[in-house]
C-alpha atoms as a PDB file:
ATOM      1  CA  MET A   1      -1.829   0.779  20.360  1.00  0.00           C
ATOM      2  CA  GLN A   2      -1.429  -1.624  17.465  1.00  0.00           C
ATOM      3  CA  ILE A   3      -2.821  -0.601  14.084  1.00  0.00           C
ATOM      4  CA  GLU A   4      -2.772  -3.222  11.359  1.00  0.00           C
ATOM      5  CA  VAL A   5      -2.930  -1.702   7.893  1.00  0.00           C
ATOM      6  CA  VAL A   6      -4.136  -4.201   5.296  1.00  0.00           C
ATOM      7  CA  PHE A   7      -3.206  -2.743   1.923  1.00  0.00           C
ATOM      8  CA  ASP A   8      -1.864  -3.220  -1.573  1.00  0.00           C
ATOM      9  CA  LEU A   9       0.883  -1.129  -3.111  1.00  0.00           C
ATOM     10  CA  VAL A  10      -0.928  -0.802  -6.463  1.00  0.00           C
ATOM     11  CA  CYS A  11      -4.085   0.539  -4.782  1.00  0.00           C
ATOM     12  CA  PRO A  12      -4.466   4.344  -4.989  1.00  0.00           C
ATOM     13  CA  TRP A  13      -7.088   4.332  -2.233  1.00  0.00           C
ATOM     14  CA  CYS A  14      -4.505   2.636  -0.004  1.00  0.00           C
ATOM     15  CA  TYR A  15      -1.977   5.394  -0.711  1.00  0.00           C
ATOM     16  CA  LEU A  16      -4.592   8.000   0.136  1.00  0.00           C
ATOM     17  CA  GLY A  17      -5.833   6.103   3.195  1.00  0.00           C
ATOM     18  CA  THR A  18      -2.390   5.465   4.702  1.00  0.00           C
ATOM     19  CA  HIS A  19      -1.480   9.111   4.156  1.00  0.00           C
ATOM     20  CA  ARG A  20      -4.601  10.141   6.057  1.00  0.00           C
ATOM     21  CA  LEU A  21      -3.768   7.692   8.844  1.00  0.00           C
ATOM     22  CA  ARG A  22      -0.331   9.239   9.279  1.00  0.00           C
ATOM     23  CA  ARG A  23      -1.891  12.700   9.320  1.00  0.00           C
ATOM     24  CA  THR A  24      -4.310  11.534  12.020  1.00  0.00           C
ATOM     25  CA  LEU A  25      -1.483  10.149  14.137  1.00  0.00           C
ATOM     26  CA  ARG A  26       0.581  13.326  13.766  1.00  0.00           C
ATOM     27  CA  ALA A  27      -2.369  15.272  15.151  1.00  0.00           C
ATOM     28  CA  ARG A  28      -2.588  12.901  18.137  1.00  0.00           C
ATOM     29  CA  PRO A  29       0.890  12.727  19.687  1.00  0.00           C
ATOM     30  CA  ASP A  30      -0.758  11.283  22.806  1.00  0.00           C
ATOM     31  CA  LEU A  31      -1.297   8.027  20.907  1.00  0.00           C
ATOM     32  CA  ALA A  32       1.700   5.718  20.730  1.00  0.00           C
ATOM     33  CA  ALA A  33       0.858   3.714  17.632  1.00  0.00           C
ATOM     34  CA  ASP A  34       2.632   0.626  16.377  1.00  0.00           C
ATOM     35  CA  ILE A  35       1.749   0.199  12.701  1.00  0.00           C
ATOM     36  CA  VAL A  36       1.882  -3.323  11.294  1.00  0.00           C
ATOM     37  CA  TRP A  37       1.782  -3.500   7.493  1.00  0.00           C
ATOM     38  CA  ARG A  38      -0.267  -6.447   6.213  1.00  0.00           C
ATOM     39  CA  PRO A  39      -0.116  -7.246   2.489  1.00  0.00           C
ATOM     40  CA  PHE A  40      -3.209  -7.816   0.386  1.00  0.00           C
ATOM     41  CA  LEU A  41      -2.869  -8.905  -3.243  1.00  0.00           C
ATOM     42  CA  LEU A  42      -5.562  -7.224  -5.335  1.00  0.00           C
ATOM     43  CA  ASN A  43      -4.321  -8.793  -8.571  1.00  0.00           C
ATOM     44  CA  PRO A  44      -2.775 -12.137  -7.601  1.00  0.00           C
ATOM     45  CA  ASP A  45      -3.208 -13.529 -11.109  1.00  0.00           C
ATOM     46  CA  ILE A  46      -1.195 -10.872 -12.956  1.00  0.00           C
ATOM     47  CA  ALA A  47       1.815 -12.437 -14.678  1.00  0.00           C
ATOM     48  CA  PRO A  48       5.339 -11.538 -13.468  1.00  0.00           C
ATOM     49  CA  GLY A  49       5.854  -9.080 -16.317  1.00  0.00           C
ATOM     50  CA  GLY A  50       2.710  -7.168 -15.463  1.00  0.00           C
ATOM     51  CA  LEU A  51      -0.207  -6.171 -17.665  1.00  0.00           C
ATOM     52  CA  ALA A  52      -0.427  -3.337 -20.174  1.00  0.00           C
ATOM     53  CA  ARG A  53      -2.399  -0.458 -18.663  1.00  0.00           C
ATOM     54  CA  GLN A  54      -5.025  -0.459 -21.441  1.00  0.00           C
ATOM     55  CA  ASP A  55      -5.638  -4.185 -21.053  1.00  0.00           C
ATOM     56  CA  TYR A  56      -5.923  -3.851 -17.282  1.00  0.00           C
ATOM     57  CA  LEU A  57      -8.358  -0.935 -17.470  1.00  0.00           C
ATOM     58  CA  MET A  58     -10.518  -2.843 -19.922  1.00  0.00           C
ATOM     59  CA  ARG A  59     -10.550  -5.899 -17.708  1.00  0.00           C
ATOM     60  CA  LYS A  60     -11.169  -4.071 -14.411  1.00  0.00           C
ATOM     61  CA  PHE A  61     -13.311  -1.097 -15.442  1.00  0.00           C
ATOM     62  CA  GLY A  62     -14.648  -2.041 -18.859  1.00  0.00           C
ATOM     63  CA  GLY A  63     -12.633   0.679 -20.563  1.00  0.00           C
ATOM     64  CA  GLU A  64     -10.640   3.828 -20.030  1.00  0.00           C
ATOM     65  CA  GLU A  65     -13.537   6.284 -19.680  1.00  0.00           C
ATOM     66  CA  ARG A  66     -14.816   4.861 -16.401  1.00  0.00           C
ATOM     67  CA  ALA A  67     -11.254   4.582 -15.115  1.00  0.00           C
ATOM     68  CA  ARG A  68     -10.577   8.202 -16.064  1.00  0.00           C
ATOM     69  CA  ARG A  69     -13.534   9.408 -14.006  1.00  0.00           C
ATOM     70  CA  LEU A  70     -12.413   7.369 -11.008  1.00  0.00           C
ATOM     71  CA  HIS A  71      -8.835   8.562 -11.355  1.00  0.00           C
ATOM     72  CA  ALA A  72     -10.016  12.173 -11.554  1.00  0.00           C
ATOM     73  CA  THR A  73     -11.812  11.735  -8.223  1.00  0.00           C
ATOM     74  CA  ILE A  74      -8.772  10.171  -6.573  1.00  0.00           C
ATOM     75  CA  THR A  75      -6.494  12.844  -8.033  1.00  0.00           C
ATOM     76  CA  GLU A  76      -8.659  15.593  -6.570  1.00  0.00           C
ATOM     77  CA  LEU A  77      -8.757  13.947  -3.140  1.00  0.00           C
ATOM     78  CA  GLY A  78      -5.027  13.349  -3.288  1.00  0.00           C
ATOM     79  CA  ARG A  79      -4.296  16.962  -4.107  1.00  0.00           C
ATOM     80  CA  ALA A  80      -5.970  17.980  -0.854  1.00  0.00           C
ATOM     81  CA  GLU A  81      -3.491  15.691   0.933  1.00  0.00           C
ATOM     82  CA  GLY A  82      -0.483  16.996  -0.979  1.00  0.00           C
ATOM     83  CA  LEU A  83      -0.323  13.893  -3.193  1.00  0.00           C
ATOM     84  CA  ARG A  84      -0.054  14.516  -6.908  1.00  0.00           C
ATOM     85  CA  PHE A  85      -1.265  11.308  -8.505  1.00  0.00           C
ATOM     86  CA  ALA A  86       0.043  10.867 -12.051  1.00  0.00           C
ATOM     87  CA  PHE A  87      -1.970   7.958 -13.429  1.00  0.00           C
ATOM     88  CA  ASP A  88      -1.034   8.874 -16.992  1.00  0.00           C
ATOM     89  CA  ARG A  89       2.594   7.974 -16.241  1.00  0.00           C
ATOM     90  CA  ILE A  90       1.721   4.385 -15.381  1.00  0.00           C
ATOM     91  CA  ARG A  91       2.270   2.208 -18.452  1.00  0.00           C
ATOM     92  CA  ARG A  92       1.997  -1.269 -16.946  1.00  0.00           C
ATOM     93  CA  ILE A  93       0.138  -2.654 -13.949  1.00  0.00           C
ATOM     94  CA  PRO A  94       2.684  -4.809 -12.105  1.00  0.00           C
ATOM     95  CA  PRO A  95       2.135  -7.691  -9.720  1.00  0.00           C
ATOM     96  CA  SER A  96       2.707  -6.348  -6.210  1.00  0.00           C
ATOM     97  CA  LEU A  97       4.211  -9.447  -4.560  1.00  0.00           C
ATOM     98  CA  ASP A  98       7.814  -8.278  -4.854  1.00  0.00           C
ATOM     99  CA  ALA A  99       6.994  -4.769  -3.626  1.00  0.00           C
ATOM    100  CA  HIS A 100       5.383  -6.300  -0.537  1.00  0.00           C
ATOM    101  CA  ARG A 101       8.474  -8.474  -0.087  1.00  0.00           C
ATOM    102  CA  LEU A 102      10.568  -5.300  -0.100  1.00  0.00           C
ATOM    103  CA  VAL A 103       8.412  -3.846   2.691  1.00  0.00           C
ATOM    104  CA  ARG A 104       8.974  -6.968   4.765  1.00  0.00           C
ATOM    105  CA  LEU A 105      12.733  -6.800   4.178  1.00  0.00           C
ATOM    106  CA  ALA A 106      12.645  -3.138   5.187  1.00  0.00           C
ATOM    107  CA  GLU A 107      10.688  -4.028   8.327  1.00  0.00           C
ATOM    108  CA  ARG A 108      13.700  -5.986   9.598  1.00  0.00           C
ATOM    109  CA  GLN A 109      15.628  -2.701   9.612  1.00  0.00           C
ATOM    110  CA  GLY A 110      12.843  -0.597  11.096  1.00  0.00           C
ATOM    111  CA  LEU A 111      12.177   0.964   7.696  1.00  0.00           C
ATOM    112  CA  ALA A 112       8.812  -0.522   6.755  1.00  0.00           C
ATOM    113  CA  GLU A 113       6.893   2.756   6.825  1.00  0.00           C
ATOM    114  CA  ALA A 114       9.584   4.504   4.791  1.00  0.00           C
ATOM    115  CA  ALA A 115       9.475   1.673   2.258  1.00  0.00           C
ATOM    116  CA  VAL A 116       5.688   1.842   1.948  1.00  0.00           C
ATOM    117  CA  GLU A 117       5.794   5.587   1.355  1.00  0.00           C
ATOM    118  CA  ALA A 118       8.668   5.332  -1.137  1.00  0.00           C
ATOM    119  CA  VAL A 119       7.052   2.541  -3.163  1.00  0.00           C
ATOM    120  CA  PHE A 120       3.704   4.322  -3.277  1.00  0.00           C
ATOM    121  CA  GLY A 121       5.417   7.518  -4.436  1.00  0.00           C
ATOM    122  CA  ALA A 122       7.489   5.754  -7.068  1.00  0.00           C
ATOM    123  CA  TYR A 123       4.411   4.126  -8.548  1.00  0.00           C
ATOM    124  CA  PHE A 124       1.653   6.710  -8.270  1.00  0.00           C
ATOM    125  CA  LEU A 125       3.665   9.926  -8.555  1.00  0.00           C
ATOM    126  CA  GLU A 126       6.436   8.853 -10.930  1.00  0.00           C
ATOM    127  CA  GLY A 127       4.866   5.930 -12.792  1.00  0.00           C
ATOM    128  CA  LEU A 128       7.815   3.607 -12.098  1.00  0.00           C
ATOM    129  CA  ASP A 129       7.418  -0.146 -12.523  1.00  0.00           C
ATOM    130  CA  ILE A 130       7.379  -1.454  -8.969  1.00  0.00           C
ATOM    131  CA  GLY A 131       7.317  -4.997 -10.303  1.00  0.00           C
ATOM    132  CA  ASP A 132      10.894  -4.523 -11.539  1.00  0.00           C
ATOM    133  CA  LEU A 133      13.514  -5.757  -9.069  1.00  0.00           C
ATOM    134  CA  ASP A 134      16.045  -3.121 -10.129  1.00  0.00           C
ATOM    135  CA  VAL A 135      13.486  -0.376  -9.460  1.00  0.00           C
ATOM    136  CA  LEU A 136      12.694  -1.856  -6.049  1.00  0.00           C
ATOM    137  CA  ALA A 137      16.396  -2.115  -5.190  1.00  0.00           C
ATOM    138  CA  ALA A 138      16.887   1.524  -6.153  1.00  0.00           C
ATOM    139  CA  ILE A 139      13.935   2.501  -3.954  1.00  0.00           C
ATOM    140  CA  ALA A 140      15.515   0.541  -1.101  1.00  0.00           C
ATOM    141  CA  GLY A 141      18.694   2.559  -1.553  1.00  0.00           C
ATOM    142  CA  THR A 142      16.808   5.844  -1.182  1.00  0.00           C
ATOM    143  CA  ILE A 143      15.546   4.912   2.292  1.00  0.00           C
ATOM    144  CA  GLY A 144      18.880   3.742   3.674  1.00  0.00           C
ATOM    145  CA  MET A 145      18.880   0.059   2.771  1.00  0.00           C
ATOM    146  CA  ASP A 146      21.709  -1.624   0.909  1.00  0.00           C
ATOM    147  CA  ALA A 147      20.444  -1.608  -2.673  1.00  0.00           C
ATOM    148  CA  GLN A 148      22.673  -4.433  -3.894  1.00  0.00           C
ATOM    149  CA  ALA A 149      21.893  -6.717  -0.954  1.00  0.00           C
ATOM    150  CA  THR A 150      18.193  -5.968  -1.383  1.00  0.00           C
ATOM    151  CA  ARG A 151      18.383  -6.821  -5.091  1.00  0.00           C
ATOM    152  CA  GLN A 152      20.014 -10.146  -4.246  1.00  0.00           C
ATOM    153  CA  ALA A 153      17.393 -10.910  -1.611  1.00  0.00           C
ATOM    154  CA  LEU A 154      14.533 -10.102  -3.978  1.00  0.00           C
ATOM    155  CA  ALA A 155      16.064 -12.337  -6.650  1.00  0.00           C
ATOM    156  CA  GLY A 156      15.346 -15.267  -4.338  1.00  0.00           C
ATOM    157  CA  PRO A 157      12.138 -16.371  -2.627  1.00  0.00           C
ATOM    158  CA  GLN A 158      12.624 -14.474   0.640  1.00  0.00           C
ATOM    159  CA  GLU A 159       9.385 -13.368   2.301  1.00  0.00           C
ATOM    160  CA  ALA A 160       7.176 -14.581  -0.569  1.00  0.00           C
ATOM    161  CA  GLU A 161       5.592 -17.276   1.594  1.00  0.00           C
ATOM    162  CA  ALA A 162       4.931 -14.746   4.390  1.00  0.00           C
ATOM    163  CA  VAL A 163       3.242 -12.326   1.978  1.00  0.00           C
ATOM    164  CA  HIS A 164       0.981 -15.068   0.634  1.00  0.00           C
ATOM    165  CA  ALA A 165       0.166 -16.177   4.202  1.00  0.00           C
ATOM    166  CA  ASP A 166      -0.839 -12.648   5.219  1.00  0.00           C
ATOM    167  CA  ASN A 167      -2.940 -12.279   2.081  1.00  0.00           C
ATOM    168  CA  LEU A 168      -4.729 -15.552   2.859  1.00  0.00           C
ATOM    169  CA  ARG A 169      -5.217 -14.469   6.483  1.00  0.00           C
ATOM    170  CA  ALA A 170      -6.887 -11.242   5.360  1.00  0.00           C
ATOM    171  CA  HIS A 171      -9.342 -13.140   3.174  1.00  0.00           C
ATOM    172  CA  ARG A 172     -10.101 -15.580   5.985  1.00  0.00           C
ATOM    173  CA  LEU A 173     -10.871 -12.631   8.249  1.00  0.00           C
ATOM    174  CA  GLY A 174     -13.420 -11.480   5.693  1.00  0.00           C
ATOM    175  CA  ILE A 175     -11.406  -8.558   4.371  1.00  0.00           C
ATOM    176  CA  ASN A 176     -12.237  -8.179   0.699  1.00  0.00           C
ATOM    177  CA  GLY A 177     -11.417  -4.530   0.140  1.00  0.00           C
ATOM    178  CA  VAL A 178      -8.480  -2.309   1.025  1.00  0.00           C
ATOM    179  CA  PRO A 179      -7.289  -0.298   2.748  1.00  0.00           C
ATOM    180  CA  CYS A 180      -8.572  -1.813   5.951  1.00  0.00           C
ATOM    181  CA  PHE A 181      -7.440  -0.592   9.362  1.00  0.00           C
ATOM    182  CA  VAL A 182      -7.628  -2.978  12.320  1.00  0.00           C
ATOM    183  CA  VAL A 183      -6.990  -1.405  15.723  1.00  0.00           C
ATOM    184  CA  GLN A 184      -6.032  -3.536  18.722  1.00  0.00           C
ATOM    185  CA  GLY A 185      -7.085  -6.628  16.778  1.00  0.00           C
ATOM    186  CA  ARG A 186     -10.770  -5.845  17.375  1.00  0.00           C
ATOM    187  CA  HIS A 187     -11.891  -2.586  15.801  1.00  0.00           C
ATOM    188  CA  ALA A 188     -11.823  -2.407  12.006  1.00  0.00           C
ATOM    189  CA  ILE A 189     -12.797   0.027   9.309  1.00  0.00           C
ATOM    190  CA  ALA A 190     -12.307  -0.186   5.560  1.00  0.00           C
ATOM    191  CA  GLY A 191     -11.743   2.507   2.977  1.00  0.00           C
ATOM    192  CA  ALA A 192      -9.669   5.678   2.647  1.00  0.00           C
ATOM    193  CA  GLN A 193     -11.413   7.287   5.590  1.00  0.00           C
ATOM    194  CA  GLU A 194     -11.175  10.936   6.532  1.00  0.00           C
ATOM    195  CA  PRO A 195      -8.837  11.631   9.491  1.00  0.00           C
ATOM    196  CA  GLU A 196     -11.821  12.540  11.688  1.00  0.00           C
ATOM    197  CA  VAL A 197     -13.327   9.079  11.156  1.00  0.00           C
ATOM    198  CA  LEU A 198     -10.014   7.376  11.872  1.00  0.00           C
ATOM    199  CA  GLU A 199      -9.577   9.437  15.023  1.00  0.00           C
ATOM    200  CA  ARG A 200     -12.986   8.334  16.300  1.00  0.00           C
ATOM    201  CA  LEU A 201     -12.035   4.707  15.674  1.00  0.00           C
ATOM    202  CA  LEU A 202      -8.807   5.160  17.631  1.00  0.00           C
ATOM    203  CA  ASP A 203     -10.678   6.776  20.510  1.00  0.00           C
ATOM    204  CA  VAL A 204     -13.181   3.920  20.624  1.00  0.00           C
ATOM    205  CA  ALA A 205     -10.297   1.450  20.712  1.00  0.00           C
ATOM    206  CA  LEU A 206      -8.693   3.402  23.559  1.00  0.00           C
ATOM    207  CA  VAL A 207     -11.843   3.210  25.644  1.00  0.00           C
ATOM    208  CA  GLU A 208     -12.807  -0.369  24.872  1.00  0.00           C
ATOM    209  CA  GLY A 209      -9.304  -1.792  24.656  1.00  0.00           C
END
């Protein structure tokens, strides 16, 4: 069963949603799932150096108060999943292109899922700048990749075109919010759904193909 996960690495709902998906799959060992990670760029116009957190919150939410309420909700939901979101540690909102490129490089070594989890954790739990190539190379090293070779690869244009192509494909398919889970290329659901909802979707896909 193929499950395409359309997501962005700076999206807290995506971290929560992918965590719930993995929990669903652990509870259903009868399902042999092949997860395909599809990048989606929520902030394609952010400059390479990123954007100061205050400026980003003002632009996206109209100020910190609304963002704080939203973050409190996500933090509470995350805690139930064993995820300790630390939004206060995030100082800059980075562009996510290079982080997605890292996931694609990791995919070549069968380490895509490990890379996704490590990047999410570095950003949302530790507040690290996942737009920094040295940070990404260090993350690569923690999951068994060659950190130096990864740093050299990220310094060039590798996989950038593929990330942009997948992002464009998502928009053409009408996906305008993430996470979005597409099962068997036909059955889709958006949002950080509860495991019970995801399980129903998987069962429907099993029956209908």
